[in-house]
C-alpha atoms as a PDB file:
ATOM      1  CA  MET A   1      91.126 108.640 119.089  1.00  0.00           C
ATOM      2  CA  ILE A   2      89.096 107.450 122.349  1.00  0.00           C
ATOM      3  CA  LYS A   3      88.813 104.079 121.192  1.00  0.00           C
ATOM      4  CA  LEU A   4      89.602 102.180 118.372  1.00  0.00           C
ATOM      5  CA  ASP A   5      86.725 100.180 116.362  1.00  0.00           C
ATOM      6  CA  LEU A   6      88.461  97.120 115.209  1.00  0.00           C
ATOM      7  CA  GLU A   7      85.935  96.166 112.742  1.00  0.00           C
ATOM      8  CA  ARG A   8      85.947  99.562 111.169  1.00  0.00           C
ATOM      9  CA  PHE A   9      89.712  99.388 110.903  1.00  0.00           C
ATOM     10  CA  THR A  10      90.123  96.001 109.619  1.00  0.00           C
ATOM     11  CA  GLN A  11      87.828  97.391 106.604  1.00  0.00           C
ATOM     12  CA  ALA A  12      89.485 100.450 106.444  1.00  0.00           C
ATOM     13  CA  TRP A  13      92.564  98.354 105.585  1.00  0.00           C
ATOM     14  CA  ASN A  14      91.293  95.968 103.774  1.00  0.00           C
ATOM     15  CA  LYS A  15      89.661  99.234 101.270  1.00  0.00           C
ATOM     16  CA  VAL A  16      93.705 100.589 101.317  1.00  0.00           C
ATOM     17  CA  VAL A  17      94.772  96.887 100.318  1.00  0.00           C
ATOM     18  CA  GLN A  18      92.344  97.030  97.294  1.00  0.00           C
ATOM     19  CA  GLN A  19      92.739 100.418  96.276  1.00  0.00           C
ATOM     20  CA  HIS A  20      96.652  99.633  95.281  1.00  0.00           C
ATOM     21  CA  PRO A  21      97.928  96.798  93.308  1.00  0.00           C
ATOM     22  CA  GLN A  22     101.185  97.006  95.048  1.00  0.00           C
ATOM     23  CA  LEU A  23      99.561  95.634  98.211  1.00  0.00           C
ATOM     24  CA  GLN A  24      98.883  92.613  96.193  1.00  0.00           C
ATOM     25  CA  GLY A  25     101.629  91.565  95.524  1.00  0.00           C
ATOM     26  CA  ILE A  26     104.393  88.557  95.838  1.00  0.00           C
ATOM     27  CA  ILE A  27     108.151  88.471  94.620  1.00  0.00           C
ATOM     28  CA  GLU A  28     108.522  85.024  92.785  1.00  0.00           C
ATOM     29  CA  ASP A  29     111.542  84.700  90.518  1.00  0.00           C
ATOM     30  CA  ASP A  30     112.799  87.755  90.791  1.00  0.00           C
ATOM     31  CA  ALA A  31     110.142  89.421  89.769  1.00  0.00           C
ATOM     32  CA  PHE A  32     107.416  91.205  91.433  1.00  0.00           C
ATOM     33  CA  LEU A  33     103.917  89.264  90.620  1.00  0.00           C
ATOM     34  CA  ILE A  34     100.513  91.276  91.531  1.00  0.00           C
ATOM     35  CA  LEU A  35      97.915  88.064  92.402  1.00  0.00           C
ATOM     36  CA  PRO A  36      94.845  88.141  90.827  1.00  0.00           C
ATOM     37  CA  ASN A  37      92.838  88.153  94.135  1.00  0.00           C
ATOM     38  CA  VAL A  38      94.144  88.178  97.663  1.00  0.00           C
ATOM     39  CA  PRO A  39      91.806  87.222 101.170  1.00  0.00           C
ATOM     40  CA  TYR A  40      90.355  89.946 103.645  1.00  0.00           C
ATOM     41  CA  TYR A  41      93.115  90.535 106.015  1.00  0.00           C
ATOM     42  CA  GLN A  42      92.857  90.449 109.372  1.00  0.00           C
ATOM     43  CA  PRO A  43      95.292  92.277 111.678  1.00  0.00           C
ATOM     44  CA  HIS A  44      96.418  90.121 114.436  1.00  0.00           C
ATOM     45  CA  TYR A  45      94.825  91.196 117.583  1.00  0.00           C
ATOM     46  CA  HIS A  46      96.314  91.081 121.150  1.00  0.00           C
ATOM     47  CA  ASP A  47      94.838  92.034 124.460  1.00  0.00           C
ATOM     48  CA  LEU A  48      97.350  92.721 127.108  1.00  0.00           C
ATOM     49  CA  THR A  49      94.704  94.297 129.292  1.00  0.00           C
ATOM     50  CA  ALA A  50      95.536  91.521 131.945  1.00  0.00           C
ATOM     51  CA  TYR A  51      99.331  91.632 131.494  1.00  0.00           C
ATOM     52  CA  ASP A  52     101.203  93.407 134.579  1.00  0.00           C
ATOM     53  CA  ASP A  53     103.652  96.256 133.344  1.00  0.00           C
ATOM     54  CA  THR A  54     106.754  93.978 133.091  1.00  0.00           C
ATOM     55  CA  GLN A  55     104.264  90.515 131.163  1.00  0.00           C
ATOM     56  CA  ARG A  56     103.409  93.572 128.810  1.00  0.00           C
ATOM     57  CA  ASP A  57     106.847  94.950 127.876  1.00  0.00           C
ATOM     58  CA  ALA A  58     108.162  91.388 127.246  1.00  0.00           C
ATOM     59  CA  VAL A  59     105.901  90.775 124.637  1.00  0.00           C
ATOM     60  CA  LEU A  60     106.321  93.863 122.953  1.00  0.00           C
ATOM     61  CA  THR A  61     109.972  93.264 123.158  1.00  0.00           C
ATOM     62  CA  LYS A  62     109.561  90.476 121.688  1.00  0.00           C
ATOM     63  CA  ALA A  63     107.488  91.247 118.810  1.00  0.00           C
ATOM     64  CA  ARG A  64     109.695  93.894 118.177  1.00  0.00           C
ATOM     65  CA  ASP A  65     112.644  92.004 117.938  1.00  0.00           C
ATOM     66  CA  SER A  66     110.949  89.840 115.959  1.00  0.00           C
ATOM     67  CA  ILE A  67     110.404  92.578 113.440  1.00  0.00           C
ATOM     68  CA  ARG A  68     114.127  94.215 113.547  1.00  0.00           C
ATOM     69  CA  THR A  69     115.271  90.200 112.619  1.00  0.00           C
ATOM     70  CA  GLU A  70     112.600  88.491 110.415  1.00  0.00           C
ATOM     71  CA  GLY A  71     110.332  91.391 108.637  1.00  0.00           C
ATOM     72  CA  VAL A  72     107.883  89.319 106.583  1.00  0.00           C
ATOM     73  CA  PRO A  73     108.837  86.887 103.899  1.00  0.00           C
ATOM     74  CA  SER A  74     109.115  88.396 100.303  1.00  0.00           C
ATOM     75  CA  ASN A  75     107.350  85.086  98.349  1.00  0.00           C
ATOM     76  CA  GLN A  76     104.164  85.201  99.975  1.00  0.00           C
ATOM     77  CA  TRP A  77     101.200  87.493 100.524  1.00  0.00           C
ATOM     78  CA  PRO A  78     100.898  89.740 102.305  1.00  0.00           C
ATOM     79  CA  LEU A  79     104.276  91.919 101.991  1.00  0.00           C
ATOM     80  CA  PHE A  80     103.019  93.578 105.265  1.00  0.00           C
ATOM     81  CA  ASP A  81     101.609  92.599 108.637  1.00  0.00           C
ATOM     82  CA  ILE A  82      99.647  94.660 110.988  1.00  0.00           C
ATOM     83  CA  SER A  83      99.770  93.675 114.830  1.00  0.00           C
ATOM     84  CA  ILE A  84      96.886  95.107 117.188  1.00  0.00           C
ATOM     85  CA  TYR A  85      97.862  95.263 121.026  1.00  0.00           C
ATOM     86  CA  ARG A  86      95.271  96.163 123.426  1.00  0.00           C
ATOM     87  CA  LEU A  87      97.034  97.818 126.445  1.00  0.00           C
ATOM     88  CA  ALA A  88      94.288  98.962 128.713  1.00  0.00           C
ATOM     89  CA  ASN A  89      90.278  99.487 128.098  1.00  0.00           C
ATOM     90  CA  ASP A  90      91.010 102.369 125.383  1.00  0.00           C
ATOM     91  CA  GLU A  91      94.481 102.497 124.724  1.00  0.00           C
ATOM     92  CA  TYR A  92      95.534 100.283 122.007  1.00  0.00           C
ATOM     93  CA  LEU A  93      99.748  99.347 120.234  1.00  0.00           C
ATOM     94  CA  ILE A  94      99.248  99.280 116.325  1.00  0.00           C
ATOM     95  CA  HIS A  95     102.388  97.598 115.203  1.00  0.00           C
ATOM     96  CA  PHE A  96     102.502  98.397 111.155  1.00  0.00           C
ATOM     97  CA  VAL A  97     105.541  95.936 109.158  1.00  0.00           C
ATOM     98  CA  PHE A  98     105.798  96.799 105.451  1.00  0.00           C
ATOM     99  CA  ASP A  99     108.449  95.112 103.048  1.00  0.00           C
ATOM    100  CA  LEU A 100     109.346  98.587 101.393  1.00  0.00           C
ATOM    101  CA  VAL A 101     110.266  96.948  97.785  1.00  0.00           C
ATOM    102  CA  MET A 102     106.519  97.752  97.164  1.00  0.00           C
ATOM    103  CA  ALA A 103     106.224 101.272  99.168  1.00  0.00           C
ATOM    104  CA  ASP A 104     108.881 103.810  99.923  1.00  0.00           C
ATOM    105  CA  GLY A 105     108.370 106.682 102.291  1.00  0.00           C
ATOM    106  CA  SER A 106     106.184 108.819 100.222  1.00  0.00           C
ATOM    107  CA  SER A 107     103.567 105.816  99.614  1.00  0.00           C
ATOM    108  CA  LEU A 108     103.243 105.058 102.996  1.00  0.00           C
ATOM    109  CA  THR A 109     102.201 108.569 103.967  1.00  0.00           C
ATOM    110  CA  THR A 110      99.170 108.090 101.155  1.00  0.00           C
ATOM    111  CA  LEU A 111      98.505 104.448 102.668  1.00  0.00           C
ATOM    112  CA  PHE A 112      98.112 105.779 105.824  1.00  0.00           C
ATOM    113  CA  SER A 113      96.315 108.378 104.836  1.00  0.00           C
ATOM    114  CA  GLN A 114      93.944 106.818 103.274  1.00  0.00           C
ATOM    115  CA  LEU A 115      93.509 104.517 106.154  1.00  0.00           C
ATOM    116  CA  GLU A 116      92.717 107.150 108.344  1.00  0.00           C
ATOM    117  CA  ALA A 117      89.681 109.027 105.840  1.00  0.00           C
ATOM    118  CA  TRP A 118      88.536 105.328 105.380  1.00  0.00           C
ATOM    119  CA  TYR A 119      88.133 104.787 109.109  1.00  0.00           C
ATOM    120  CA  LEU A 120      86.416 107.978 109.715  1.00  0.00           C
ATOM    121  CA  ASP A 121      84.161 107.235 106.460  1.00  0.00           C
ATOM    122  CA  ILE A 122      84.215 103.668 105.040  1.00  0.00           C
ATOM    123  CA  ASN A 123      82.190 105.037 102.124  1.00  0.00           C
ATOM    124  CA  ARG A 124      84.697 107.674 101.370  1.00  0.00           C
ATOM    125  CA  VAL A 125      85.999 107.399  97.412  1.00  0.00           C
ATOM    126  CA  PHE A 126      89.434 108.041  96.278  1.00  0.00           C
ATOM    127  CA  PRO A 127      90.098 107.871  92.275  1.00  0.00           C
ATOM    128  CA  GLN A 128      92.113 105.324  91.033  1.00  0.00           C
ATOM    129  CA  ALA A 129      95.393 106.054  90.205  1.00  0.00           C
ATOM    130  CA  GLU A 130      96.466 106.934  86.332  1.00  0.00           C
ATOM    131  CA  LEU A 131      99.555 104.962  86.827  1.00  0.00           C
ATOM    132  CA  THR A 132     100.044 101.204  88.402  1.00  0.00           C
ATOM    133  CA  ILE A 133     102.867  99.867  89.746  1.00  0.00           C
ATOM    134  CA  ARG A 134     102.795  97.231  86.617  1.00  0.00           C
ATOM    135  CA  ASP A 135     102.900 100.606  84.355  1.00  0.00           C
ATOM    136  CA  TYR A 136     106.075 101.705  86.301  1.00  0.00           C
ATOM    137  CA  LEU A 137     107.664  98.303  85.626  1.00  0.00           C
ATOM    138  CA  LEU A 138     106.806  97.772  81.884  1.00  0.00           C
ATOM    139  CA  ALA A 139     108.504 101.373  81.465  1.00  0.00           C
ATOM    140  CA  LEU A 140     111.508 100.246  82.930  1.00  0.00           C
ATOM    141  CA  GLU A 141     111.680  97.385  81.175  1.00  0.00           C
ATOM    142  CA  GLU A 142     111.825  99.276  77.695  1.00  0.00           C
ATOM    143  CA  HIS A 143     113.983 101.761  79.182  1.00  0.00           C
ATOM    144  CA  LYS A 144     116.851  99.487  79.579  1.00  0.00           C
ATOM    145  CA  THR A 145     116.284  98.897  75.979  1.00  0.00           C
ATOM    146  CA  SER A 146     117.294 102.916  75.519  1.00  0.00           C
ATOM    147  CA  LYS A 147     120.577 104.353  73.804  1.00  0.00           C
ATOM    148  CA  GLN A 148     120.632 106.394  77.272  1.00  0.00           C
ATOM    149  CA  TYR A 149     120.320 103.602  79.497  1.00  0.00           C
ATOM    150  CA  ILE A 150     122.734 101.320  77.534  1.00  0.00           C
ATOM    151  CA  ASN A 151     125.211 103.958  77.439  1.00  0.00           C
ATOM    152  CA  SER A 152     125.156 104.669  80.704  1.00  0.00           C
ATOM    153  CA  GLN A 153     125.048 101.202  82.141  1.00  0.00           C
ATOM    154  CA  THR A 154     128.417 100.509  79.981  1.00  0.00           C
ATOM    155  CA  TYR A 155     130.068 103.598  81.195  1.00  0.00           C
ATOM    156  CA  TRP A 156     130.033 102.614  84.624  1.00  0.00           C
ATOM    157  CA  LEU A 157     130.297  98.635  83.851  1.00  0.00           C
ATOM    158  CA  ASP A 158     133.949  99.970  82.325  1.00  0.00           C
ATOM    159  CA  ARG A 159     134.835 102.255  85.715  1.00  0.00           C
ATOM    160  CA  ILE A 160     134.097  99.262  87.801  1.00  0.00           C
ATOM    161  CA  ASP A 161     137.676  97.811  88.260  1.00  0.00           C
ATOM    162  CA  SER A 162     139.029 101.685  88.541  1.00  0.00           C
ATOM    163  CA  LEU A 163     136.639 102.994  91.358  1.00  0.00           C
ATOM    164  CA  PRO A 164     138.540 103.253  94.704  1.00  0.00           C
ATOM    165  CA  ASP A 165     137.870 101.152  97.922  1.00  0.00           C
ATOM    166  CA  ALA A 166     135.368 102.543 100.582  1.00  0.00           C
ATOM    167  CA  PRO A 167     136.770 105.265 103.068  1.00  0.00           C
ATOM    168  CA  GLN A 168     138.172 104.115 105.850  1.00  0.00           C
ATOM    169  CA  LEU A 169     136.511 106.383 108.161  1.00  0.00           C
ATOM    170  CA  PRO A 170     137.862 106.577 112.093  1.00  0.00           C
ATOM    171  CA  LEU A 171     134.768 105.494 114.262  1.00  0.00           C
ATOM    172  CA  SER A 172     134.490 107.246 117.698  1.00  0.00           C
ATOM    173  CA  ARG A 173     133.486 103.903 119.354  1.00  0.00           C
ATOM    174  CA  CYS A 174     133.467 100.240 117.960  1.00  0.00           C
ATOM    175  CA  HIS A 175     129.728  99.109 116.753  1.00  0.00           C
ATOM    176  CA  LYS A 176     129.488  95.261 117.108  1.00  0.00           C
ATOM    177  CA  SER A 177     126.328  95.046 115.211  1.00  0.00           C
ATOM    178  CA  ARG A 178     125.538  95.511 112.304  1.00  0.00           C
ATOM    179  CA  TYR A 179     121.857  96.465 113.255  1.00  0.00           C
ATOM    180  CA  GLY A 180     120.857  99.727 114.968  1.00  0.00           C
ATOM    181  CA  PHE A 181     117.729 100.421 117.094  1.00  0.00           C
ATOM    182  CA  ALA A 182     116.506 103.753 117.737  1.00  0.00           C
ATOM    183  CA  ASN A 183     113.664 104.266 119.844  1.00  0.00           C
ATOM    184  CA  THR A 184     112.050 107.785 120.339  1.00  0.00           C
ATOM    185  CA  GLN A 185     108.896 109.138 122.421  1.00  0.00           C
ATOM    186  CA  SER A 186     107.150 111.943 122.154  1.00  0.00           C
ATOM    187  CA  ASP A 187     103.355 112.529 123.868  1.00  0.00           C
ATOM    188  CA  TYR A 188     100.896 114.402 121.479  1.00  0.00           C
ATOM    189  CA  SER A 189      97.307 115.219 121.207  1.00  0.00           C
ATOM    190  CA  SER A 190      95.029 112.748 119.359  1.00  0.00           C
ATOM    191  CA  LYS A 191      94.802 116.169 116.881  1.00  0.00           C
ATOM    192  CA  ARG A 192      98.444 116.888 116.292  1.00  0.00           C
ATOM    193  CA  LEU A 193      99.167 112.917 115.810  1.00  0.00           C
ATOM    194  CA  VAL A 194      96.892 113.090 112.935  1.00  0.00           C
ATOM    195  CA  ASN A 195      98.711 115.991 111.217  1.00  0.00           C
ATOM    196  CA  ILE A 196     101.727 114.227 111.813  1.00  0.00           C
ATOM    197  CA  ALA A 197     100.867 110.798 110.827  1.00  0.00           C
ATOM    198  CA  ARG A 198      99.566 113.104 107.604  1.00  0.00           C
ATOM    199  CA  LYS A 199     103.314 114.731 107.149  1.00  0.00           C
ATOM    200  CA  SER A 200     105.204 111.748 108.206  1.00  0.00           C
ATOM    201  CA  VAL A 201     108.237 111.099 106.364  1.00  0.00           C
ATOM    202  CA  PHE A 202     110.653 108.263 107.266  1.00  0.00           C
ATOM    203  CA  ARG A 203     113.606 108.568 108.244  1.00  0.00           C
ATOM    204  CA  ASN A 204     116.969 105.934 109.460  1.00  0.00           C
ATOM    205  CA  LEU A 205     115.354 102.910 107.309  1.00  0.00           C
ATOM    206  CA  ASN A 206     117.125 100.174 106.401  1.00  0.00           C
ATOM    207  CA  ALA A 207     116.405  99.275 102.366  1.00  0.00           C
ATOM    208  CA  PHE A 208     114.077  96.716 103.233  1.00  0.00           C
ATOM    209  CA  TYR A 209     111.583  96.981 106.505  1.00  0.00           C
ATOM    210  CA  CYS A 210     110.067  99.737 108.707  1.00  0.00           C
ATOM    211  CA  GLY A 211     108.218  99.423 111.836  1.00  0.00           C
ATOM    212  CA  VAL A 212     105.783 102.160 113.337  1.00  0.00           C
ATOM    213  CA  ASP A 213     104.144 101.831 116.803  1.00  0.00           C
ATOM    214  CA  CYS A 214     101.052 103.738 117.479  1.00  0.00           C
ATOM    215  CA  VAL A 215      99.430 103.750 120.835  1.00  0.00           C
ATOM    216  CA  LEU A 216      96.007 105.564 121.230  1.00  0.00           C
ATOM    217  CA  SER A 217      94.676 106.515 124.079  1.00  0.00           C
ATOM    218  CA  GLY A 218      91.363 107.998 125.558  1.00  0.00           C
ATOM    219  CA  SER A 219      93.183 111.199 127.141  1.00  0.00           C
ATOM    220  CA  GLY A 220      94.869 111.972 123.506  1.00  0.00           C
ATOM    221  CA  ALA A 221      97.847 109.684 122.198  1.00  0.00           C
ATOM    222  CA  VAL A 222     101.580 108.616 122.446  1.00  0.00           C
ATOM    223  CA  GLU A 223     103.558 108.145 119.197  1.00  0.00           C
ATOM    224  CA  ARG A 224     106.552 105.908 119.282  1.00  0.00           C
ATOM    225  CA  LYS A 225     108.435 105.676 116.134  1.00  0.00           C
ATOM    226  CA  ARG A 226     111.085 102.642 115.898  1.00  0.00           C
ATOM    227  CA  SER A 227     113.733 102.598 113.326  1.00  0.00           C
ATOM    228  CA  PHE A 228     115.480  99.132 112.685  1.00  0.00           C
END
């Protein structure tokens, strides 16, 4: 992708939001609530073209630290955040942040695939899913009243007191922080990056948040993926 069309990207993402009810929800009173209406989402835009390398790295490092430590609040919409950084005339970096309570790795792959499709063709039509997150949650609550669920719950609750403690495995070195930060970088052509995005599987993520950087440039693309 030689140049990112911000308006077209924003339109495409809002099509994704309207396609999937889970992107229209919040956590309220320990329940996932789908809002009847959500506003048109505008990604955060930052023009860093006038910054030198040191200033630009400082801004991006601060942004990544914020993602790693804060994520997104779960009691207000949206449960995602998108920031677009213009690094050069034809080079952009996009930060996607998601609360994984609304989508797992496989679901995110679907979201990104549809985002790409709508970016290329805003009139593209996708069929609505036969089952929604509401259907899933209702089925889950109904399952909790089943004999199988109650028997399984009783079995494990009765075993709690007899379960052994976690094994004390030796460590090769002392970890001073509970948070991990992995950074990998590879240079890919735009065509290969699109193929990777379609098949991507998120690894080494904690249970709540993931962050993905994608740099788009005129000569191809540099993909950077970070896990927190």
